């Protein structure tokens, strides 16, 4: 046998001994790991969604209150933010309203009336920048936010 035939037969046996493709165990392990990662991701994002909705609602509501204050100062007339606890809607009087998601709880604390549980509550802004309003508490099953209005300075603060 010449050296060329020996070399070819050696190459043929090497190629036939190499495995081709993946084994069933390797595929099962990869699929298991992918399912595990997908499941953990779903749990993680499922828990952050309600928290993000609460934060977004708190920011939108406090921004609406700040906008009413700015409009009152710019126009030189009083502006009112209406918060309807029964329909769960809020907005500046005479403008569009926004809704509060059903999974978010809300209550208002008036300095004179105490806790307000129903009806329409008015937060009044004077042209001078003063405010007659309440503290608004928002919450879901995981956490809560508080929107505090300062009657002297007219500022609006979102506390977590």
C-alpha atoms as a PDB file:
ATOM      1  CA  UNK A   1       0.000   0.000   0.000  1.00  0.00           C
ATOM      2  CA  UNK A   2       1.434   3.272  -0.975  1.00  0.00           C
ATOM      3  CA  UNK A   3       1.531   6.334   1.277  1.00  0.00           C
ATOM      4  CA  UNK A   4      -1.203   8.122  -0.672  1.00  0.00           C
ATOM      5  CA  UNK A   5      -3.713   5.315  -0.021  1.00  0.00           C
ATOM      6  CA  UNK A   6      -2.774   5.206   3.689  1.00  0.00           C
ATOM      7  CA  UNK A   7      -3.359   8.954   3.994  1.00  0.00           C
ATOM      8  CA  UNK A   8      -6.755   8.740   2.268  1.00  0.00           C
ATOM      9  CA  UNK A   9      -7.888   5.812   4.430  1.00  0.00           C
ATOM     10  CA  UNK A  10      -6.810   7.703   7.582  1.00  0.00           C
ATOM     11  CA  UNK A  11      -8.774  10.797   6.523  1.00  0.00           C
ATOM     12  CA  UNK A  12     -11.835   8.689   5.724  1.00  0.00           C
ATOM     13  CA  UNK A  13     -11.872   7.067   9.171  1.00  0.00           C
ATOM     14  CA  UNK A  14     -11.479  10.452  10.923  1.00  0.00           C
ATOM     15  CA  UNK A  15     -14.374  12.000   9.034  1.00  0.00           C
ATOM     16  CA  UNK A  16     -16.645   9.053   9.691  1.00  0.00           C
ATOM     17  CA  UNK A  17     -15.880   9.120  13.454  1.00  0.00           C
ATOM     18  CA  UNK A  18     -16.751  12.808  13.971  1.00  0.00           C
ATOM     19  CA  UNK A  19     -20.289  13.342  15.289  1.00  0.00           C
ATOM     20  CA  UNK A  20     -22.596  15.335  13.103  1.00  0.00           C
ATOM     21  CA  UNK A  21     -25.271  17.599  14.681  1.00  0.00           C
ATOM     22  CA  UNK A  22     -26.436  17.741  18.298  1.00  0.00           C
ATOM     23  CA  UNK A  23     -27.544  14.970  20.597  1.00  0.00           C
ATOM     24  CA  UNK A  24     -31.019  14.831  22.043  1.00  0.00           C
ATOM     25  CA  UNK A  25     -29.667  15.596  25.522  1.00  0.00           C
ATOM     26  CA  UNK A  26     -27.886  18.741  24.313  1.00  0.00           C
ATOM     27  CA  UNK A  27     -31.070  19.992  22.655  1.00  0.00           C
ATOM     28  CA  UNK A  28     -33.147  19.224  25.763  1.00  0.00           C
ATOM     29  CA  UNK A  29     -30.726  21.145  28.000  1.00  0.00           C
ATOM     30  CA  UNK A  30     -30.748  24.185  25.704  1.00  0.00           C
ATOM     31  CA  UNK A  31     -34.551  24.189  25.470  1.00  0.00           C
ATOM     32  CA  UNK A  32     -34.844  23.853  29.255  1.00  0.00           C
ATOM     33  CA  UNK A  33     -32.514  26.822  29.818  1.00  0.00           C
ATOM     34  CA  UNK A  34     -34.416  28.944  27.286  1.00  0.00           C
ATOM     35  CA  UNK A  35     -37.739  28.132  28.983  1.00  0.00           C
ATOM     36  CA  UNK A  36     -36.257  28.942  32.394  1.00  0.00           C
ATOM     37  CA  UNK A  37     -34.970  32.337  31.235  1.00  0.00           C
ATOM     38  CA  UNK A  38     -38.294  33.164  29.555  1.00  0.00           C
ATOM     39  CA  UNK A  39     -40.225  32.229  32.704  1.00  0.00           C
ATOM     40  CA  UNK A  40     -38.035  34.323  34.982  1.00  0.00           C
ATOM     41  CA  UNK A  41     -38.298  37.281  32.603  1.00  0.00           C
ATOM     42  CA  UNK A  42     -42.097  37.060  32.578  1.00  0.00           C
ATOM     43  CA  UNK A  43     -42.199  37.061  36.381  1.00  0.00           C
ATOM     44  CA  UNK A  44     -39.815  40.016  36.593  1.00  0.00           C
ATOM     45  CA  UNK A  45     -41.693  42.141  34.049  1.00  0.00           C
ATOM     46  CA  UNK A  46     -45.064  41.109  35.466  1.00  0.00           C
ATOM     47  CA  UNK A  47     -44.087  42.583  38.831  1.00  0.00           C
ATOM     48  CA  UNK A  48     -42.705  45.841  37.411  1.00  0.00           C
ATOM     49  CA  UNK A  49     -45.730  46.707  35.244  1.00  0.00           C
ATOM     50  CA  UNK A  50     -48.121  47.661  38.091  1.00  0.00           C
ATOM     51  CA  UNK A  51     -45.381  49.745  39.692  1.00  0.00           C
ATOM     52  CA  UNK A  52     -44.745  51.567  36.413  1.00  0.00           C
ATOM     53  CA  UNK A  53     -48.462  52.289  35.997  1.00  0.00           C
ATOM     54  CA  UNK A  54     -48.613  53.757  39.499  1.00  0.00           C
ATOM     55  CA  UNK A  55     -45.582  55.954  38.868  1.00  0.00           C
ATOM     56  CA  UNK A  56     -46.947  57.133  35.503  1.00  0.00           C
ATOM     57  CA  UNK A  57     -50.361  57.946  36.992  1.00  0.00           C
ATOM     58  CA  UNK A  58     -48.759  59.875  39.855  1.00  0.00           C
ATOM     59  CA  UNK A  59     -46.585  61.872  37.473  1.00  0.00           C
ATOM     60  CA  UNK A  60     -49.481  62.647  35.130  1.00  0.00           C
ATOM     61  CA  UNK A  61     -51.724  63.789  37.974  1.00  0.00           C
ATOM     62  CA  UNK A  62     -49.049  65.976  39.549  1.00  0.00           C
ATOM     63  CA  UNK A  63     -48.210  67.419  36.104  1.00  0.00           C
ATOM     64  CA  UNK A  64     -51.888  68.296  35.578  1.00  0.00           C
ATOM     65  CA  UNK A  65     -51.938  70.076  38.939  1.00  0.00           C
ATOM     66  CA  UNK A  66     -48.745  71.978  38.079  1.00  0.00           C
ATOM     67  CA  UNK A  67     -50.187  72.917  34.683  1.00  0.00           C
ATOM     68  CA  UNK A  68     -53.287  74.368  36.361  1.00  0.00           C
ATOM     69  CA  UNK A  69     -51.061  76.472  38.620  1.00  0.00           C
ATOM     70  CA  UNK A  70     -49.071  77.756  35.636  1.00  0.00           C
ATOM     71  CA  UNK A  71     -52.251  78.560  33.683  1.00  0.00           C
ATOM     72  CA  UNK A  72     -53.664  80.465  36.646  1.00  0.00           C
ATOM     73  CA  UNK A  73     -50.530  82.604  36.876  1.00  0.00           C
ATOM     74  CA  UNK A  74     -50.220  83.137  33.100  1.00  0.00           C
ATOM     75  CA  UNK A  75     -53.860  84.017  32.476  1.00  0.00           C
ATOM     76  CA  UNK A  76     -54.386  85.899  35.714  1.00  0.00           C
ATOM     77  CA  UNK A  77     -57.553  83.917  36.486  1.00  0.00           C
ATOM     78  CA  UNK A  78     -58.249  81.066  38.845  1.00  0.00           C
ATOM     79  CA  UNK A  79     -58.029  77.516  37.501  1.00  0.00           C
ATOM     80  CA  UNK A  80     -59.615  74.395  38.958  1.00  0.00           C
ATOM     81  CA  UNK A  81     -58.476  70.792  38.819  1.00  0.00           C
ATOM     82  CA  UNK A  82     -61.452  68.458  39.148  1.00  0.00           C
ATOM     83  CA  UNK A  83     -60.929  65.000  40.623  1.00  0.00           C
ATOM     84  CA  UNK A  84     -64.008  62.786  40.349  1.00  0.00           C
ATOM     85  CA  UNK A  85     -63.610  59.925  42.793  1.00  0.00           C
ATOM     86  CA  UNK A  86     -66.713  58.110  41.537  1.00  0.00           C
ATOM     87  CA  UNK A  87     -65.768  57.962  37.831  1.00  0.00           C
ATOM     88  CA  UNK A  88     -62.011  57.960  38.618  1.00  0.00           C
ATOM     89  CA  UNK A  89     -61.265  60.823  36.211  1.00  0.00           C
ATOM     90  CA  UNK A  90     -59.315  64.065  36.670  1.00  0.00           C
ATOM     91  CA  UNK A  91     -58.434  67.133  34.656  1.00  0.00           C
ATOM     92  CA  UNK A  92     -58.414  70.912  34.478  1.00  0.00           C
ATOM     93  CA  UNK A  93     -61.931  72.320  34.338  1.00  0.00           C
ATOM     94  CA  UNK A  94     -62.938  73.040  30.731  1.00  0.00           C
ATOM     95  CA  UNK A  95     -60.213  70.822  29.286  1.00  0.00           C
ATOM     96  CA  UNK A  96     -59.870  67.117  28.582  1.00  0.00           C
ATOM     97  CA  UNK A  97     -59.848  64.594  31.419  1.00  0.00           C
ATOM     98  CA  UNK A  98     -57.726  61.530  32.093  1.00  0.00           C
ATOM     99  CA  UNK A  99     -58.668  58.343  33.855  1.00  0.00           C
ATOM    100  CA  UNK A 100     -57.050  56.536  36.747  1.00  0.00           C
ATOM    101  CA  UNK A 101     -56.428  52.815  36.062  1.00  0.00           C
ATOM    102  CA  UNK A 102     -58.774  50.502  37.994  1.00  0.00           C
ATOM    103  CA  UNK A 103     -55.945  48.701  39.803  1.00  0.00           C
ATOM    104  CA  UNK A 104     -54.795  51.953  41.439  1.00  0.00           C
ATOM    105  CA  UNK A 105     -56.487  53.082  44.631  1.00  0.00           C
ATOM    106  CA  UNK A 106     -56.948  56.766  45.422  1.00  0.00           C
ATOM    107  CA  UNK A 107     -58.021  58.922  48.340  1.00  0.00           C
ATOM    108  CA  UNK A 108     -57.890  62.646  49.046  1.00  0.00           C
ATOM    109  CA  UNK A 109     -57.087  64.258  52.367  1.00  0.00           C
ATOM    110  CA  UNK A 110     -58.541  67.758  52.709  1.00  0.00           C
ATOM    111  CA  UNK A 111     -57.071  69.971  55.455  1.00  0.00           C
ATOM    112  CA  UNK A 112     -60.572  71.017  56.599  1.00  0.00           C
ATOM    113  CA  UNK A 113     -62.874  68.151  55.573  1.00  0.00           C
ATOM    114  CA  UNK A 114     -60.588  65.223  56.344  1.00  0.00           C
ATOM    115  CA  UNK A 115     -60.667  62.159  54.103  1.00  0.00           C
ATOM    116  CA  UNK A 116     -62.805  62.586  50.971  1.00  0.00           C
ATOM    117  CA  UNK A 117     -64.199  59.289  49.674  1.00  0.00           C
ATOM    118  CA  UNK A 118     -66.595  60.163  46.867  1.00  0.00           C
ATOM    119  CA  UNK A 119     -67.954  62.837  44.578  1.00  0.00           C
ATOM    120  CA  UNK A 120     -66.043  65.528  42.738  1.00  0.00           C
ATOM    121  CA  UNK A 121     -63.252  67.319  44.550  1.00  0.00           C
ATOM    122  CA  UNK A 122     -61.978  70.717  43.396  1.00  0.00           C
ATOM    123  CA  UNK A 123     -58.390  71.890  43.709  1.00  0.00           C
ATOM    124  CA  UNK A 124     -58.477  75.649  43.172  1.00  0.00           C
ATOM    125  CA  UNK A 125     -55.490  77.698  41.998  1.00  0.00           C
ATOM    126  CA  UNK A 126     -55.534  81.464  42.399  1.00  0.00           C
ATOM    127  CA  UNK A 127     -53.823  83.829  39.955  1.00  0.00           C
ATOM    128  CA  UNK A 128     -51.326  84.713  42.683  1.00  0.00           C
ATOM    129  CA  UNK A 129     -50.058  81.122  42.752  1.00  0.00           C
ATOM    130  CA  UNK A 130     -51.798  80.034  45.952  1.00  0.00           C
ATOM    131  CA  UNK A 131     -53.639  76.751  46.122  1.00  0.00           C
ATOM    132  CA  UNK A 132     -56.647  75.411  47.939  1.00  0.00           C
ATOM    133  CA  UNK A 133     -56.328  71.697  47.729  1.00  0.00           C
ATOM    134  CA  UNK A 134     -55.651  68.351  49.234  1.00  0.00           C
ATOM    135  CA  UNK A 135     -53.073  65.676  49.601  1.00  0.00           C
ATOM    136  CA  UNK A 136     -53.705  62.840  47.144  1.00  0.00           C
ATOM    137  CA  UNK A 137     -52.713  59.285  47.988  1.00  0.00           C
ATOM    138  CA  UNK A 138     -52.332  56.716  45.197  1.00  0.00           C
ATOM    139  CA  UNK A 139     -51.506  53.066  45.774  1.00  0.00           C
ATOM    140  CA  UNK A 140     -51.479  49.578  44.308  1.00  0.00           C
ATOM    141  CA  UNK A 141     -50.776  46.227  45.946  1.00  0.00           C
ATOM    142  CA  UNK A 142     -46.997  46.820  46.019  1.00  0.00           C
ATOM    143  CA  UNK A 143     -46.442  50.456  46.964  1.00  0.00           C
ATOM    144  CA  UNK A 144     -47.939  53.922  47.335  1.00  0.00           C
ATOM    145  CA  UNK A 145     -47.349  57.524  46.246  1.00  0.00           C
ATOM    146  CA  UNK A 146     -48.420  60.812  47.784  1.00  0.00           C
ATOM    147  CA  UNK A 147     -49.007  64.073  45.933  1.00  0.00           C
ATOM    148  CA  UNK A 148     -48.676  66.953  48.385  1.00  0.00           C
ATOM    149  CA  UNK A 149     -49.759  70.498  47.575  1.00  0.00           C
ATOM    150  CA  UNK A 150     -48.386  73.415  49.605  1.00  0.00           C
ATOM    151  CA  UNK A 151     -51.115  76.057  50.137  1.00  0.00           C
ATOM    152  CA  UNK A 152     -48.633  78.852  50.859  1.00  0.00           C
ATOM    153  CA  UNK A 153     -46.108  78.352  48.050  1.00  0.00           C
ATOM    154  CA  UNK A 154     -48.455  76.582  45.631  1.00  0.00           C
ATOM    155  CA  UNK A 155     -45.925  73.857  44.941  1.00  0.00           C
ATOM    156  CA  UNK A 156     -46.765  70.266  44.090  1.00  0.00           C
ATOM    157  CA  UNK A 157     -44.537  67.451  45.334  1.00  0.00           C
ATOM    158  CA  UNK A 158     -44.674  63.760  44.406  1.00  0.00           C
ATOM    159  CA  UNK A 159     -43.398  61.612  47.286  1.00  0.00           C
ATOM    160  CA  UNK A 160     -42.698  57.902  46.985  1.00  0.00           C
END
